[in-house]
Amino acid sequence: MSTFEGIPAATAAAFYAELEENNTRDWWQAHSAVYQESVREPLSALLARLEPQFGPGKIFRPNRDIRFSQDKSPYKTAQGAFASFQEGLGYYLQLSADGLLVGGGYHSHSPAQLARYRNAVDATGTGEQLQHIVDAVAAAGFTVEGEKLKTVPRGFLREHPRAELLKHKSLSASVALGQPDWLSSPDAEGEIARLWDQLRPLVDWVGRNAAP
């Protein structure tokens, strides 16, 4: 198994802070070694270590798709990574100039998945279970988020006891951690696993009741 020595937090944050000011191919090519050594390689090693618990990991490509965008800057100013046992549902990491963000849940959805999600939220047993999970996640310091409708979807009472959950088209939670002392050490593996474990009930609920 890959060894993991931590993520050089200060170097990674400085890299993305400079990228925000110099988002060009020339700058990226001149600093690509920093990206490889301080961002991509540590994240790859971390995902390999966490795979048995949280699923195979994927590091998102650093290039932006600029074909249909007015913003022609070629590179993303944050590096995302995802671990999952189910397509589109799992655990998320992001490194940027602001430091580390840790999250979990799902962002993409099909009409069939959305229908399953709403039916499960509406049902007393599964709906109350999700409400308890979301409340616990929020109490642990995570921000509950996701794409939402402005009103309760058609076919459900406006006064539904879980109206806010019914408005969600996607559901996730995250916490921005900055540059905690442990991030640059091997302890980051255990700390991130602990945070992902706090999100496991949310991920598991979606996997059981509204799978992609």
N, C-alpha and C. Protein backbone atom coordinates (compact mmCIF):
# COMPACT_ATOMS: atom_id res chain seq x y z
N MET A 1 0.84 -1.20 0.00
CA MET A 1 0.00 0.00 0.00
C MET A 1 0.88 1.24 0.00
N SER A 2 0.41 2.30 -0.63
CA SER A 2 1.18 3.54 -0.72
C SER A 2 1.43 4.12 0.66
N THR A 3 2.62 4.71 0.84
CA THR A 3 2.89 5.45 2.06
C THR A 3 2.32 6.86 1.91
N PHE A 4 1.91 7.43 3.02
CA PHE A 4 1.34 8.78 3.01
C PHE A 4 2.00 9.56 4.13
N GLU A 5 2.63 10.66 3.78
CA GLU A 5 3.38 11.46 4.75
C GLU A 5 2.69 12.78 5.07
N GLY A 6 1.51 13.00 4.51
CA GLY A 6 0.82 14.26 4.73
C GLY A 6 0.78 15.10 3.47
N ILE A 7 0.04 16.18 3.53
CA ILE A 7 -0.08 17.11 2.41
C ILE A 7 0.61 18.42 2.81
N PRO A 8 1.59 18.87 2.05
CA PRO A 8 2.29 20.11 2.40
C PRO A 8 1.34 21.30 2.30
N ALA A 9 0.65 21.59 3.38
CA ALA A 9 -0.47 22.53 3.35
C ALA A 9 -0.06 23.92 2.89
N ALA A 10 1.00 24.45 3.46
CA ALA A 10 1.41 25.81 3.13
C ALA A 10 1.83 25.91 1.67
N THR A 11 2.56 24.91 1.19
CA THR A 11 3.02 24.92 -0.21
C THR A 11 1.84 24.80 -1.16
N ALA A 12 0.90 23.91 -0.86
CA ALA A 12 -0.27 23.73 -1.72
C ALA A 12 -1.12 25.00 -1.75
N ALA A 13 -1.34 25.62 -0.58
CA ALA A 13 -2.14 26.84 -0.53
C ALA A 13 -1.45 27.97 -1.30
N ALA A 14 -0.13 28.08 -1.15
CA ALA A 14 0.61 29.13 -1.87
C ALA A 14 0.55 28.89 -3.38
N PHE A 15 0.60 27.63 -3.79
CA PHE A 15 0.52 27.30 -5.21
C PHE A 15 -0.80 27.81 -5.79
N TYR A 16 -1.91 27.56 -5.09
CA TYR A 16 -3.21 27.97 -5.62
C TYR A 16 -3.43 29.48 -5.49
N ALA A 17 -2.84 30.09 -4.47
CA ALA A 17 -2.93 31.55 -4.37
C ALA A 17 -2.22 32.21 -5.56
N GLU A 18 -1.06 31.68 -5.92
CA GLU A 18 -0.34 32.23 -7.07
C GLU A 18 -1.06 31.91 -8.38
N LEU A 19 -1.66 30.72 -8.46
CA LEU A 19 -2.40 30.36 -9.67
C LEU A 19 -3.57 31.32 -9.90
N GLU A 20 -4.23 31.73 -8.82
CA GLU A 20 -5.34 32.67 -8.97
C GLU A 20 -4.88 33.98 -9.63
N GLU A 21 -3.62 34.34 -9.43
CA GLU A 21 -3.08 35.57 -10.01
C GLU A 21 -2.40 35.34 -11.36
N ASN A 22 -2.08 34.09 -11.67
CA ASN A 22 -1.30 33.79 -12.88
C ASN A 22 -1.87 32.55 -13.57
N ASN A 23 -3.13 32.60 -13.91
CA ASN A 23 -3.78 31.41 -14.46
C ASN A 23 -3.52 31.32 -15.97
N THR A 24 -2.30 30.89 -16.30
CA THR A 24 -1.87 30.74 -17.68
C THR A 24 -1.14 29.42 -17.84
N ARG A 25 -1.07 28.95 -19.07
CA ARG A 25 -0.36 27.69 -19.33
C ARG A 25 1.13 27.84 -19.04
N ASP A 26 1.69 28.99 -19.37
CA ASP A 26 3.12 29.19 -19.13
C ASP A 26 3.44 29.10 -17.64
N TRP A 27 2.61 29.74 -16.81
CA TRP A 27 2.86 29.68 -15.37
C TRP A 27 2.69 28.26 -14.85
N TRP A 28 1.65 27.59 -15.31
CA TRP A 28 1.41 26.21 -14.85
C TRP A 28 2.58 25.31 -15.23
N GLN A 29 3.05 25.39 -16.44
CA GLN A 29 4.16 24.54 -16.86
C GLN A 29 5.42 24.82 -16.05
N ALA A 30 5.63 26.08 -15.70
CA ALA A 30 6.81 26.43 -14.90
C ALA A 30 6.71 25.93 -13.47
N HIS A 31 5.47 25.68 -12.99
CA HIS A 31 5.26 25.26 -11.60
C HIS A 31 4.61 23.88 -11.50
N SER A 32 4.61 23.14 -12.58
CA SER A 32 3.93 21.84 -12.57
C SER A 32 4.56 20.86 -11.58
N ALA A 33 5.85 20.99 -11.33
CA ALA A 33 6.50 20.10 -10.36
C ALA A 33 5.94 20.32 -8.96
N VAL A 34 5.64 21.57 -8.62
CA VAL A 34 5.05 21.87 -7.31
C VAL A 34 3.67 21.22 -7.21
N TYR A 35 2.89 21.31 -8.27
CA TYR A 35 1.57 20.68 -8.29
C TYR A 35 1.69 19.17 -8.08
N GLN A 36 2.59 18.54 -8.80
CA GLN A 36 2.74 17.10 -8.69
C GLN A 36 3.18 16.68 -7.29
N GLU A 37 4.16 17.38 -6.74
CA GLU A 37 4.77 16.97 -5.48
C GLU A 37 3.94 17.38 -4.26
N SER A 38 3.25 18.50 -4.35
CA SER A 38 2.56 19.03 -3.16
C SER A 38 1.05 18.84 -3.18
N VAL A 39 0.50 18.47 -4.35
CA VAL A 39 -0.95 18.31 -4.45
C VAL A 39 -1.30 16.91 -4.95
N ARG A 40 -0.97 16.61 -6.18
CA ARG A 40 -1.45 15.38 -6.81
C ARG A 40 -0.89 14.12 -6.14
N GLU A 41 0.41 14.06 -5.93
CA GLU A 41 1.00 12.83 -5.36
C GLU A 41 0.53 12.58 -3.93
N PRO A 42 0.50 13.60 -3.05
CA PRO A 42 -0.02 13.34 -1.70
C PRO A 42 -1.49 12.92 -1.70
N LEU A 43 -2.31 13.55 -2.54
CA LEU A 43 -3.72 13.16 -2.60
C LEU A 43 -3.87 11.74 -3.11
N SER A 44 -3.09 11.36 -4.10
CA SER A 44 -3.16 10.00 -4.63
C SER A 44 -2.81 8.98 -3.55
N ALA A 45 -1.76 9.27 -2.78
CA ALA A 45 -1.36 8.37 -1.71
C ALA A 45 -2.43 8.29 -0.63
N LEU A 46 -3.03 9.42 -0.30
CA LEU A 46 -4.08 9.45 0.72
C LEU A 46 -5.29 8.64 0.28
N LEU A 47 -5.73 8.83 -0.95
CA LEU A 47 -6.90 8.10 -1.45
C LEU A 47 -6.64 6.59 -1.48
N ALA A 48 -5.41 6.21 -1.81
CA ALA A 48 -5.07 4.78 -1.81
C ALA A 48 -5.16 4.20 -0.41
N ARG A 49 -4.74 4.97 0.58
CA ARG A 49 -4.80 4.50 1.96
C ARG A 49 -6.26 4.39 2.45
N LEU A 50 -7.11 5.30 2.00
CA LEU A 50 -8.49 5.33 2.48
C LEU A 50 -9.44 4.47 1.66
N GLU A 51 -8.97 3.94 0.54
CA GLU A 51 -9.85 3.18 -0.36
C GLU A 51 -10.56 2.02 0.32
N PRO A 52 -9.90 1.22 1.18
CA PRO A 52 -10.63 0.09 1.79
C PRO A 52 -11.86 0.53 2.59
N GLN A 53 -11.82 1.71 3.19
CA GLN A 53 -12.92 2.17 4.02
C GLN A 53 -13.98 2.95 3.23
N PHE A 54 -13.53 3.69 2.21
CA PHE A 54 -14.44 4.65 1.59
C PHE A 54 -14.61 4.49 0.08
N GLY A 55 -13.93 3.55 -0.50
CA GLY A 55 -14.09 3.31 -1.93
C GLY A 55 -12.96 3.85 -2.76
N PRO A 56 -12.89 3.42 -4.02
CA PRO A 56 -11.84 3.88 -4.93
C PRO A 56 -11.87 5.40 -5.08
N GLY A 57 -10.69 5.98 -5.13
CA GLY A 57 -10.58 7.43 -5.21
C GLY A 57 -10.33 7.93 -6.62
N LYS A 58 -10.75 9.15 -6.87
CA LYS A 58 -10.54 9.79 -8.16
C LYS A 58 -10.10 11.22 -7.92
N ILE A 59 -9.05 11.64 -8.60
CA ILE A 59 -8.60 13.02 -8.55
C ILE A 59 -9.10 13.72 -9.81
N PHE A 60 -9.82 14.79 -9.66
CA PHE A 60 -10.37 15.50 -10.81
C PHE A 60 -9.25 16.17 -11.60
N ARG A 61 -9.45 16.29 -12.89
CA ARG A 61 -8.42 16.89 -13.73
C ARG A 61 -8.30 18.37 -13.40
N PRO A 62 -7.09 18.91 -13.45
CA PRO A 62 -6.88 20.32 -13.08
C PRO A 62 -7.30 21.29 -14.17
N ASN A 63 -7.45 20.81 -15.39
CA ASN A 63 -7.81 21.70 -16.51
C ASN A 63 -9.30 22.03 -16.48
N ARG A 64 -9.65 23.24 -16.84
CA ARG A 64 -11.03 23.65 -16.97
C ARG A 64 -11.51 23.40 -18.39
N ASP A 65 -12.79 23.10 -18.54
CA ASP A 65 -13.41 23.01 -19.86
C ASP A 65 -13.86 24.42 -20.24
N ILE A 66 -13.12 25.05 -21.14
CA ILE A 66 -13.39 26.46 -21.46
C ILE A 66 -14.14 26.62 -22.78
N ARG A 67 -14.58 25.51 -23.37
CA ARG A 67 -15.20 25.59 -24.69
C ARG A 67 -16.44 26.47 -24.68
N PHE A 68 -17.24 26.40 -23.64
CA PHE A 68 -18.50 27.14 -23.60
C PHE A 68 -18.52 28.16 -22.47
N SER A 69 -17.35 28.56 -22.01
CA SER A 69 -17.24 29.48 -20.88
C SER A 69 -16.67 30.81 -21.32
N GLN A 70 -17.22 31.90 -20.78
CA GLN A 70 -16.65 33.21 -21.04
C GLN A 70 -15.30 33.37 -20.34
N ASP A 71 -15.14 32.69 -19.22
CA ASP A 71 -13.87 32.70 -18.50
C ASP A 71 -12.92 31.71 -19.17
N LYS A 72 -11.87 32.19 -19.78
CA LYS A 72 -10.95 31.33 -20.53
C LYS A 72 -9.70 30.94 -19.74
N SER A 73 -9.70 31.18 -18.42
CA SER A 73 -8.56 30.73 -17.63
C SER A 73 -8.50 29.20 -17.69
N PRO A 74 -7.33 28.63 -17.98
CA PRO A 74 -7.28 27.21 -18.33
C PRO A 74 -7.27 26.23 -17.15
N TYR A 75 -7.04 26.71 -15.92
CA TYR A 75 -6.88 25.78 -14.81
C TYR A 75 -7.83 26.09 -13.65
N LYS A 76 -8.27 25.04 -12.99
CA LYS A 76 -9.10 25.19 -11.81
C LYS A 76 -8.24 25.72 -10.66
N THR A 77 -8.81 26.58 -9.84
CA THR A 77 -8.06 27.15 -8.72
C THR A 77 -8.28 26.35 -7.43
N ALA A 78 -8.68 25.11 -7.57
CA ALA A 78 -8.80 24.18 -6.45
C ALA A 78 -8.67 22.77 -7.02
N GLN A 79 -8.13 21.87 -6.22
CA GLN A 79 -8.02 20.48 -6.63
C GLN A 79 -9.01 19.64 -5.85
N GLY A 80 -9.94 19.00 -6.54
CA GLY A 80 -10.91 18.15 -5.89
C GLY A 80 -10.55 16.68 -6.04
N ALA A 81 -11.01 15.89 -5.08
CA ALA A 81 -10.83 14.45 -5.11
C ALA A 81 -12.07 13.80 -4.50
N PHE A 82 -12.40 12.60 -4.97
CA PHE A 82 -13.66 11.94 -4.60
C PHE A 82 -13.40 10.47 -4.36
N ALA A 83 -13.98 9.93 -3.29
CA ALA A 83 -13.90 8.50 -2.99
C ALA A 83 -15.30 7.94 -2.90
N SER A 84 -15.54 6.79 -3.55
CA SER A 84 -16.92 6.33 -3.65
C SER A 84 -17.01 4.84 -3.94
N PHE A 85 -18.04 4.20 -3.35
CA PHE A 85 -18.42 2.84 -3.72
C PHE A 85 -19.59 2.86 -4.71
N GLN A 86 -20.24 4.02 -4.88
CA GLN A 86 -21.37 4.16 -5.80
C GLN A 86 -21.14 5.39 -6.68
N GLU A 87 -21.49 5.30 -7.93
CA GLU A 87 -21.29 6.40 -8.86
C GLU A 87 -21.99 7.67 -8.37
N GLY A 88 -21.20 8.75 -8.23
CA GLY A 88 -21.78 10.04 -7.89
C GLY A 88 -22.14 10.25 -6.44
N LEU A 89 -21.86 9.27 -5.59
CA LEU A 89 -22.22 9.35 -4.17
C LEU A 89 -21.02 8.93 -3.35
N GLY A 90 -20.54 9.81 -2.46
CA GLY A 90 -19.38 9.44 -1.68
C GLY A 90 -18.79 10.60 -0.91
N TYR A 91 -17.47 10.63 -0.86
CA TYR A 91 -16.73 11.51 0.04
C TYR A 91 -15.79 12.40 -0.77
N TYR A 92 -15.66 13.65 -0.34
CA TYR A 92 -15.01 14.66 -1.15
C TYR A 92 -13.91 15.36 -0.36
N LEU A 93 -12.84 15.73 -1.07
CA LEU A 93 -11.78 16.58 -0.55
C LEU A 93 -11.51 17.68 -1.55
N GLN A 94 -11.09 18.84 -1.04
CA GLN A 94 -10.67 19.92 -1.93
C GLN A 94 -9.53 20.69 -1.30
N LEU A 95 -8.49 20.95 -2.11
CA LEU A 95 -7.39 21.80 -1.71
C LEU A 95 -7.42 23.08 -2.53
N SER A 96 -7.24 24.21 -1.87
CA SER A 96 -7.24 25.49 -2.56
C SER A 96 -6.37 26.47 -1.77
N ALA A 97 -6.37 27.72 -2.20
CA ALA A 97 -5.65 28.75 -1.45
C ALA A 97 -6.18 28.89 -0.04
N ASP A 98 -7.43 28.52 0.18
CA ASP A 98 -8.04 28.60 1.51
C ASP A 98 -7.71 27.41 2.39
N GLY A 99 -7.05 26.40 1.83
CA GLY A 99 -6.72 25.21 2.60
C GLY A 99 -7.59 24.02 2.23
N LEU A 100 -7.96 23.23 3.22
CA LEU A 100 -8.66 21.96 3.01
C LEU A 100 -10.15 22.10 3.27
N LEU A 101 -10.95 21.50 2.40
CA LEU A 101 -12.38 21.33 2.60
C LEU A 101 -12.68 19.84 2.53
N VAL A 102 -13.51 19.36 3.46
CA VAL A 102 -13.89 17.95 3.52
C VAL A 102 -15.40 17.86 3.44
N GLY A 103 -15.90 16.95 2.60
CA GLY A 103 -17.35 16.83 2.47
C GLY A 103 -17.78 15.45 2.05
N GLY A 104 -19.09 15.32 1.85
CA GLY A 104 -19.66 14.05 1.41
C GLY A 104 -21.11 14.22 1.03
N GLY A 105 -21.61 13.30 0.22
CA GLY A 105 -22.99 13.34 -0.24
C GLY A 105 -23.06 13.09 -1.73
N TYR A 106 -24.05 13.71 -2.40
CA TYR A 106 -24.15 13.56 -3.85
C TYR A 106 -24.56 14.89 -4.47
N HIS A 107 -24.10 15.13 -5.69
CA HIS A 107 -24.39 16.40 -6.38
C HIS A 107 -25.19 16.20 -7.66
N SER A 108 -24.88 15.16 -8.42
CA SER A 108 -25.62 14.92 -9.65
C SER A 108 -26.84 14.05 -9.34
N HIS A 109 -27.86 14.15 -10.19
CA HIS A 109 -29.06 13.37 -9.94
C HIS A 109 -29.82 13.17 -11.24
N SER A 110 -30.53 12.06 -11.31
CA SER A 110 -31.43 11.78 -12.43
C SER A 110 -32.86 11.97 -11.95
N PRO A 111 -33.82 12.10 -12.86
CA PRO A 111 -35.22 12.20 -12.43
C PRO A 111 -35.67 11.02 -11.56
N ALA A 112 -35.20 9.82 -11.91
CA ALA A 112 -35.60 8.64 -11.14
C ALA A 112 -35.00 8.69 -9.73
N GLN A 113 -33.75 9.10 -9.63
CA GLN A 113 -33.12 9.21 -8.32
C GLN A 113 -33.82 10.27 -7.47
N LEU A 114 -34.14 11.39 -8.09
CA LEU A 114 -34.81 12.45 -7.35
C LEU A 114 -36.18 11.99 -6.84
N ALA A 115 -36.89 11.23 -7.65
CA ALA A 115 -38.19 10.71 -7.21
C ALA A 115 -38.01 9.77 -6.02
N ARG A 116 -36.99 8.90 -6.06
CA ARG A 116 -36.73 7.99 -4.94
C ARG A 116 -36.38 8.78 -3.69
N TYR A 117 -35.56 9.81 -3.86
CA TYR A 117 -35.17 10.63 -2.72
C TYR A 117 -36.40 11.28 -2.07
N ARG A 118 -37.25 11.89 -2.87
CA ARG A 118 -38.42 12.58 -2.32
C ARG A 118 -39.38 11.61 -1.64
N ASN A 119 -39.57 10.45 -2.24
CA ASN A 119 -40.46 9.46 -1.63
C ASN A 119 -39.91 8.99 -0.28
N ALA A 120 -38.59 8.84 -0.20
CA ALA A 120 -37.98 8.39 1.06
C ALA A 120 -38.04 9.49 2.12
N VAL A 121 -37.90 10.74 1.71
CA VAL A 121 -38.02 11.86 2.66
C VAL A 121 -39.46 11.97 3.14
N ASP A 122 -40.39 11.74 2.25
CA ASP A 122 -41.81 11.84 2.60
C ASP A 122 -42.23 10.74 3.56
N ALA A 123 -41.71 9.53 3.38
CA ALA A 123 -42.08 8.40 4.24
C ALA A 123 -41.62 8.67 5.67
N THR A 124 -42.47 8.35 6.63
CA THR A 124 -42.18 8.70 8.03
C THR A 124 -40.87 8.08 8.52
N GLY A 125 -40.70 6.78 8.33
CA GLY A 125 -39.53 6.10 8.87
C GLY A 125 -38.22 6.60 8.28
N THR A 126 -38.11 6.51 6.97
CA THR A 126 -36.86 6.92 6.32
C THR A 126 -36.68 8.43 6.38
N GLY A 127 -37.78 9.19 6.31
CA GLY A 127 -37.68 10.64 6.36
C GLY A 127 -37.19 11.14 7.71
N GLU A 128 -37.75 10.59 8.79
CA GLU A 128 -37.30 11.00 10.12
C GLU A 128 -35.85 10.58 10.36
N GLN A 129 -35.49 9.42 9.82
CA GLN A 129 -34.10 8.98 9.95
C GLN A 129 -33.15 9.98 9.29
N LEU A 130 -33.48 10.42 8.09
CA LEU A 130 -32.63 11.39 7.42
C LEU A 130 -32.59 12.71 8.18
N GLN A 131 -33.72 13.15 8.72
CA GLN A 131 -33.73 14.40 9.48
C GLN A 131 -32.78 14.32 10.66
N HIS A 132 -32.78 13.20 11.38
CA HIS A 132 -31.88 13.01 12.51
C HIS A 132 -30.42 13.03 12.04
N ILE A 133 -30.15 12.40 10.91
CA ILE A 133 -28.79 12.37 10.37
C ILE A 133 -28.32 13.78 10.01
N VAL A 134 -29.15 14.50 9.31
CA VAL A 134 -28.79 15.87 8.89
C VAL A 134 -28.59 16.76 10.10
N ASP A 135 -29.44 16.63 11.11
CA ASP A 135 -29.29 17.43 12.32
C ASP A 135 -27.97 17.11 13.03
N ALA A 136 -27.61 15.83 13.07
CA ALA A 136 -26.36 15.43 13.73
C ALA A 136 -25.15 15.93 12.96
N VAL A 137 -25.21 15.86 11.63
CA VAL A 137 -24.11 16.36 10.81
C VAL A 137 -23.92 17.86 11.02
N ALA A 138 -25.02 18.59 11.05
CA ALA A 138 -24.93 20.04 11.28
C ALA A 138 -24.38 20.34 12.67
N ALA A 139 -24.81 19.57 13.68
CA ALA A 139 -24.33 19.78 15.04
C ALA A 139 -22.84 19.49 15.17
N ALA A 140 -22.32 18.63 14.28
CA ALA A 140 -20.89 18.29 14.30
C ALA A 140 -20.05 19.35 13.61
N GLY A 141 -20.68 20.38 13.04
CA GLY A 141 -19.92 21.47 12.46
C GLY A 141 -19.91 21.53 10.95
N PHE A 142 -20.61 20.61 10.30
CA PHE A 142 -20.67 20.61 8.84
C PHE A 142 -21.79 21.55 8.37
N THR A 143 -21.59 22.11 7.19
CA THR A 143 -22.64 22.90 6.54
C THR A 143 -23.41 21.99 5.60
N VAL A 144 -24.71 21.87 5.84
CA VAL A 144 -25.56 21.05 4.97
C VAL A 144 -25.93 21.90 3.76
N GLU A 145 -25.74 21.34 2.57
CA GLU A 145 -25.92 22.13 1.35
C GLU A 145 -26.45 21.24 0.22
N GLY A 146 -26.48 21.81 -0.95
CA GLY A 146 -26.96 21.09 -2.13
C GLY A 146 -27.89 21.97 -2.94
N GLU A 147 -28.16 21.55 -4.17
CA GLU A 147 -29.09 22.28 -5.02
C GLU A 147 -30.51 22.17 -4.45
N LYS A 148 -31.20 23.30 -4.35
CA LYS A 148 -32.52 23.29 -3.72
C LYS A 148 -33.53 24.08 -4.56
N LEU A 149 -34.78 23.65 -4.47
CA LEU A 149 -35.89 24.43 -5.00
C LEU A 149 -36.22 25.55 -4.00
N LYS A 150 -36.88 26.59 -4.49
CA LYS A 150 -37.30 27.65 -3.59
C LYS A 150 -38.53 27.27 -2.78
N THR A 151 -39.31 26.35 -3.32
CA THR A 151 -40.53 25.93 -2.63
C THR A 151 -40.59 24.40 -2.59
N VAL A 152 -41.48 23.88 -1.78
CA VAL A 152 -41.68 22.42 -1.71
C VAL A 152 -42.15 21.93 -3.08
N PRO A 153 -41.61 20.82 -3.57
CA PRO A 153 -42.00 20.35 -4.91
C PRO A 153 -43.48 20.01 -5.00
N ARG A 154 -43.98 20.10 -6.20
CA ARG A 154 -45.39 19.82 -6.46
C ARG A 154 -45.74 18.40 -6.00
N GLY A 155 -46.89 18.29 -5.37
CA GLY A 155 -47.35 16.98 -4.90
C GLY A 155 -47.11 16.75 -3.42
N PHE A 156 -46.42 17.69 -2.74
CA PHE A 156 -46.17 17.57 -1.31
C PHE A 156 -46.71 18.81 -0.60
N LEU A 157 -47.16 18.61 0.63
CA LEU A 157 -47.72 19.72 1.39
C LEU A 157 -46.66 20.77 1.71
N ARG A 158 -47.05 22.03 1.60
CA ARG A 158 -46.12 23.11 1.95
C ARG A 158 -45.74 23.03 3.42
N GLU A 159 -46.65 22.48 4.26
CA GLU A 159 -46.40 22.39 5.69
C GLU A 159 -45.80 21.04 6.08
N HIS A 160 -45.22 20.35 5.12
CA HIS A 160 -44.63 19.03 5.39
C HIS A 160 -43.58 19.16 6.50
N PRO A 161 -43.54 18.21 7.44
CA PRO A 161 -42.57 18.32 8.55
C PRO A 161 -41.11 18.29 8.09
N ARG A 162 -40.87 17.80 6.88
CA ARG A 162 -39.49 17.79 6.34
C ARG A 162 -39.44 18.58 5.03
N ALA A 163 -40.13 19.72 5.05
CA ALA A 163 -40.23 20.54 3.85
C ALA A 163 -38.86 20.95 3.32
N GLU A 164 -37.94 21.31 4.20
CA GLU A 164 -36.63 21.77 3.75
C GLU A 164 -35.86 20.65 3.06
N LEU A 165 -35.97 19.44 3.57
CA LEU A 165 -35.30 18.31 2.93
C LEU A 165 -35.95 17.99 1.58
N LEU A 166 -37.26 18.15 1.48
CA LEU A 166 -37.94 17.89 0.21
C LEU A 166 -37.50 18.87 -0.88
N LYS A 167 -37.10 20.06 -0.51
CA LYS A 167 -36.65 21.05 -1.49
C LYS A 167 -35.33 20.67 -2.15
N HIS A 168 -34.57 19.79 -1.52
CA HIS A 168 -33.25 19.43 -2.05
C HIS A 168 -33.38 18.60 -3.33
N LYS A 169 -32.57 18.96 -4.33
CA LYS A 169 -32.38 18.14 -5.52
C LYS A 169 -31.08 17.36 -5.43
N SER A 170 -30.16 17.84 -4.62
CA SER A 170 -28.96 17.12 -4.25
C SER A 170 -28.70 17.42 -2.78
N LEU A 171 -27.90 16.59 -2.14
CA LEU A 171 -27.71 16.74 -0.70
C LEU A 171 -26.28 16.39 -0.34
N SER A 172 -25.62 17.31 0.33
CA SER A 172 -24.24 17.07 0.75
C SER A 172 -23.95 17.91 1.99
N ALA A 173 -22.79 17.69 2.58
CA ALA A 173 -22.36 18.47 3.74
C ALA A 173 -20.85 18.62 3.66
N SER A 174 -20.35 19.75 4.13
CA SER A 174 -18.91 19.98 4.06
C SER A 174 -18.47 20.87 5.21
N VAL A 175 -17.17 20.86 5.46
CA VAL A 175 -16.58 21.74 6.45
C VAL A 175 -15.25 22.25 5.90
N ALA A 176 -15.04 23.56 6.00
CA ALA A 176 -13.78 24.18 5.57
C ALA A 176 -12.85 24.24 6.78
N LEU A 177 -11.67 23.66 6.64
CA LEU A 177 -10.76 23.49 7.78
C LEU A 177 -9.54 24.38 7.72
N GLY A 178 -9.32 25.06 6.60
CA GLY A 178 -8.11 25.87 6.49
C GLY A 178 -6.87 24.99 6.42
N GLN A 179 -5.88 25.31 7.24
CA GLN A 179 -4.64 24.55 7.27
C GLN A 179 -4.39 24.00 8.69
N PRO A 180 -5.14 23.00 9.10
CA PRO A 180 -4.91 22.43 10.44
C PRO A 180 -3.50 21.86 10.56
N ASP A 181 -2.96 21.86 11.75
CA ASP A 181 -1.58 21.41 11.97
C ASP A 181 -1.35 20.00 11.47
N TRP A 182 -2.37 19.15 11.56
CA TRP A 182 -2.18 17.74 11.20
C TRP A 182 -2.13 17.51 9.69
N LEU A 183 -2.52 18.49 8.88
CA LEU A 183 -2.62 18.26 7.44
C LEU A 183 -1.28 17.92 6.80
N SER A 184 -0.21 18.46 7.33
CA SER A 184 1.11 18.22 6.74
C SER A 184 1.80 17.00 7.32
N SER A 185 1.09 16.21 8.09
CA SER A 185 1.68 15.03 8.72
C SER A 185 0.88 13.78 8.35
N PRO A 186 1.43 12.60 8.65
CA PRO A 186 0.67 11.36 8.39
C PRO A 186 -0.65 11.30 9.16
N ASP A 187 -0.79 12.12 10.21
CA ASP A 187 -2.03 12.13 10.98
C ASP A 187 -3.23 12.56 10.13
N ALA A 188 -2.97 13.21 8.99
CA ALA A 188 -4.07 13.65 8.14
C ALA A 188 -4.94 12.47 7.70
N GLU A 189 -4.34 11.32 7.52
CA GLU A 189 -5.13 10.14 7.11
C GLU A 189 -6.21 9.83 8.13
N GLY A 190 -5.84 9.76 9.40
CA GLY A 190 -6.81 9.46 10.44
C GLY A 190 -7.83 10.55 10.65
N GLU A 191 -7.38 11.81 10.56
CA GLU A 191 -8.29 12.93 10.77
C GLU A 191 -9.34 13.00 9.66
N ILE A 192 -8.92 12.81 8.42
CA ILE A 192 -9.87 12.86 7.31
C ILE A 192 -10.80 11.65 7.37
N ALA A 193 -10.27 10.48 7.73
CA ALA A 193 -11.13 9.31 7.90
C ALA A 193 -12.18 9.55 8.98
N ARG A 194 -11.79 10.22 10.06
CA ARG A 194 -12.74 10.53 11.14
C ARG A 194 -13.85 11.44 10.63
N LEU A 195 -13.49 12.46 9.87
CA LEU A 195 -14.49 13.37 9.33
C LEU A 195 -15.41 12.67 8.33
N TRP A 196 -14.83 11.85 7.47
CA TRP A 196 -15.65 11.11 6.52
C TRP A 196 -16.57 10.13 7.24
N ASP A 197 -16.10 9.55 8.34
CA ASP A 197 -16.96 8.64 9.11
C ASP A 197 -18.17 9.38 9.69
N GLN A 198 -17.98 10.66 10.05
CA GLN A 198 -19.11 11.44 10.54
C GLN A 198 -20.16 11.66 9.45
N LEU A 199 -19.70 11.64 8.19
CA LEU A 199 -20.62 11.82 7.06
C LEU A 199 -21.15 10.48 6.53
N ARG A 200 -20.64 9.39 7.02
CA ARG A 200 -21.05 8.08 6.50
C ARG A 200 -22.54 7.84 6.64
N PRO A 201 -23.20 8.19 7.77
CA PRO A 201 -24.65 7.96 7.85
C PRO A 201 -25.42 8.66 6.73
N LEU A 202 -24.99 9.88 6.36
CA LEU A 202 -25.65 10.60 5.27
C LEU A 202 -25.44 9.88 3.94
N VAL A 203 -24.20 9.50 3.67
CA VAL A 203 -23.89 8.81 2.42
C VAL A 203 -24.61 7.47 2.36
N ASP A 204 -24.61 6.74 3.46
CA ASP A 204 -25.26 5.43 3.49
C ASP A 204 -26.78 5.55 3.30
N TRP A 205 -27.38 6.58 3.91
CA TRP A 205 -28.83 6.76 3.76
C TRP A 205 -29.18 6.97 2.29
N VAL A 206 -28.44 7.83 1.62
CA VAL A 206 -28.71 8.05 0.20
C VAL A 206 -28.49 6.77 -0.60
N GLY A 207 -27.42 6.04 -0.27
CA GLY A 207 -27.13 4.79 -0.97
C GLY A 207 -28.24 3.76 -0.83
N ARG A 208 -28.89 3.73 0.33
CA ARG A 208 -29.98 2.77 0.55
C ARG A 208 -31.30 3.22 -0.05
N ASN A 209 -31.56 4.52 0.03
CA ASN A 209 -32.91 5.00 -0.27
C ASN A 209 -33.03 5.81 -1.57
N ALA A 210 -31.92 6.33 -2.06
CA ALA A 210 -31.98 7.14 -3.28
C ALA A 210 -30.71 6.95 -4.08
N ALA A 211 -30.39 5.71 -4.35
CA ALA A 211 -29.13 5.40 -5.03
C ALA A 211 -29.11 6.02 -6.44
N PRO A 212 -27.95 6.42 -6.89
CA PRO A 212 -27.84 6.95 -8.26
C PRO A 212 -28.32 5.95 -9.31
